[in-house]
Amino acid sequence: MTPNELQILICGIAIGANLMVILNACWDWRNTRRGIERSRQARRRAAADHYLNTLRLYRLQNRSRPMPTIVESTPHPAELLEASVRDFELNLYDTLDRVEDATRRDGLL
């Protein structure tokens, strides 16, 4: 090979490597943007579920009495347990989403 051909080969390899770096950066940027959007939607869903769960728990705890009599209106213990378990489940899902987002940001996933 002539020196001119070697020089063109080296330049072609360098240009190709740089183009692949740019292409991979674009793909990573697009994947990051999609991941952020998915995590935002999951966070909003979790917040909405948490709000609805706490609203239900509040309603269960603060039921109005049908008639002011001797019997006090309290929610059934099973309903309180169900609402508490649902709240724990939503908190667990929220924690798992945060851990997954952190590991994705650190490049572990």
Protein backbone atom coordinates (compact mmCIF):
# COMPACT_ATOMS: atom_id res chain seq x y z
CA MET A 1 0.00 0.00 0.00
CA THR A 2 1.15 3.45 -0.73
CA PRO A 3 1.48 6.02 2.02
CA ASN A 4 -1.54 7.83 0.58
CA GLU A 5 -3.71 4.72 0.84
CA LEU A 6 -2.54 4.08 4.41
CA GLN A 7 -3.38 7.64 5.35
CA ILE A 8 -6.88 7.31 3.83
CA LEU A 9 -7.38 3.98 5.64
CA ILE A 10 -6.41 5.48 9.00
CA CYS A 11 -8.63 8.52 8.43
CA GLY A 12 -11.54 6.25 7.44
CA ILE A 13 -11.14 4.14 10.58
CA ALA A 14 -10.96 7.28 12.77
CA ILE A 15 -14.04 8.82 11.10
CA GLY A 16 -15.96 5.52 11.42
CA ALA A 17 -15.05 5.21 15.10
CA ASN A 18 -16.17 8.78 15.78
CA LEU A 19 -19.44 8.22 13.93
CA MET A 20 -20.11 5.09 15.99
CA VAL A 21 -19.42 7.02 19.21
CA ILE A 22 -21.91 9.69 18.14
CA LEU A 23 -24.47 7.06 17.13
CA ASN A 24 -24.14 5.22 20.45
CA ALA A 25 -24.46 8.53 22.33
CA CYS A 26 -27.69 9.28 20.42
CA TRP A 27 -29.08 5.84 21.22
CA ASP A 28 -28.19 6.20 24.90
CA TRP A 29 -29.78 9.66 25.01
CA ARG A 30 -32.97 8.31 23.44
CA ASN A 31 -33.10 5.33 25.83
CA THR A 32 -32.50 7.62 28.80
CA ARG A 33 -35.27 9.95 27.69
CA ARG A 34 -37.67 7.02 27.31
CA GLY A 35 -36.67 5.65 30.71
CA ILE A 36 -37.23 9.02 32.35
CA GLU A 37 -40.68 9.24 30.76
CA ARG A 38 -41.58 5.72 31.92
CA SER A 39 -40.36 6.43 35.46
CA ARG A 40 -42.31 9.72 35.50
CA GLN A 41 -45.48 7.92 34.47
CA ALA A 42 -44.89 5.17 37.03
CA ARG A 43 -44.24 7.80 39.72
CA ARG A 44 -47.48 9.61 38.81
CA ARG A 45 -49.44 6.34 38.88
CA ALA A 46 -47.93 5.44 42.25
CA ALA A 47 -48.74 8.91 43.62
CA ALA A 48 -52.32 8.65 42.36
CA ASP A 49 -52.71 5.17 43.86
CA HIS A 50 -51.23 6.38 47.12
CA TYR A 51 -53.59 9.38 47.20
CA LEU A 52 -56.65 7.23 46.48
CA ASN A 53 -55.56 4.70 49.09
CA THR A 54 -55.07 7.34 51.78
CA LEU A 55 -58.40 8.92 50.83
CA ARG A 56 -60.10 5.54 51.22
CA LEU A 57 -58.34 4.97 54.54
CA TYR A 58 -59.41 8.44 55.69
CA ARG A 59 -63.00 7.73 54.70
CA LEU A 60 -62.91 4.41 56.53
CA GLN A 61 -61.54 6.02 59.67
CA ASN A 62 -63.89 9.03 59.59
CA ARG A 63 -67.22 7.54 58.67
CA SER A 64 -70.15 9.66 59.65
CA ARG A 65 -72.48 8.06 62.10
CA PRO A 66 -75.91 7.25 60.72
CA MET A 67 -77.60 8.37 63.92
CA PRO A 68 -76.03 9.85 67.02
CA THR A 69 -76.70 6.92 69.29
CA ILE A 70 -74.73 4.91 71.78
CA VAL A 71 -73.12 2.73 69.09
CA GLU A 72 -70.03 4.35 67.62
CA SER A 73 -69.42 3.90 63.90
CA THR A 74 -65.97 2.42 63.34
CA PRO A 75 -64.67 0.65 60.28
CA HIS A 76 -64.35 -3.07 60.29
CA PRO A 77 -60.83 -4.19 61.27
CA ALA A 78 -60.54 -6.17 58.04
CA GLU A 79 -61.14 -3.00 56.01
CA LEU A 80 -58.46 -1.14 57.93
CA LEU A 81 -56.06 -4.04 57.48
CA GLU A 82 -56.77 -4.18 53.74
CA ALA A 83 -56.21 -0.44 53.35
CA SER A 84 -52.98 -0.61 55.38
CA VAL A 85 -51.67 -3.55 53.34
CA ARG A 86 -52.50 -1.72 50.10
CA ASP A 87 -50.65 1.36 51.37
CA PHE A 88 -47.62 -0.81 52.23
CA GLU A 89 -47.78 -2.42 48.77
CA LEU A 90 -47.82 0.98 47.05
CA ASN A 91 -44.90 2.18 49.16
CA LEU A 92 -43.00 -0.99 48.26
CA TYR A 93 -43.67 -0.50 44.54
CA ASP A 94 -42.56 3.13 44.82
CA THR A 95 -39.33 2.05 46.55
CA LEU A 96 -38.66 -0.61 43.91
CA ASP A 97 -39.18 1.96 41.13
CA ARG A 98 -36.75 4.35 42.80
CA VAL A 99 -34.13 1.61 43.24
CA GLU A 100 -34.54 0.55 39.60
CA ASP A 101 -34.18 4.17 38.41
CA ALA A 102 -31.05 4.61 40.53
CA THR A 103 -29.48 1.42 39.20
CA ARG A 104 -30.30 2.44 35.64
CA ARG A 105 -28.72 5.85 36.23
CA ASP A 106 -25.59 4.18 37.62
CA GLY A 107 -25.47 1.81 34.65
CA LEU A 108 -25.94 -1.34 36.70
CA LEU A 109 -29.03 -2.46 34.76
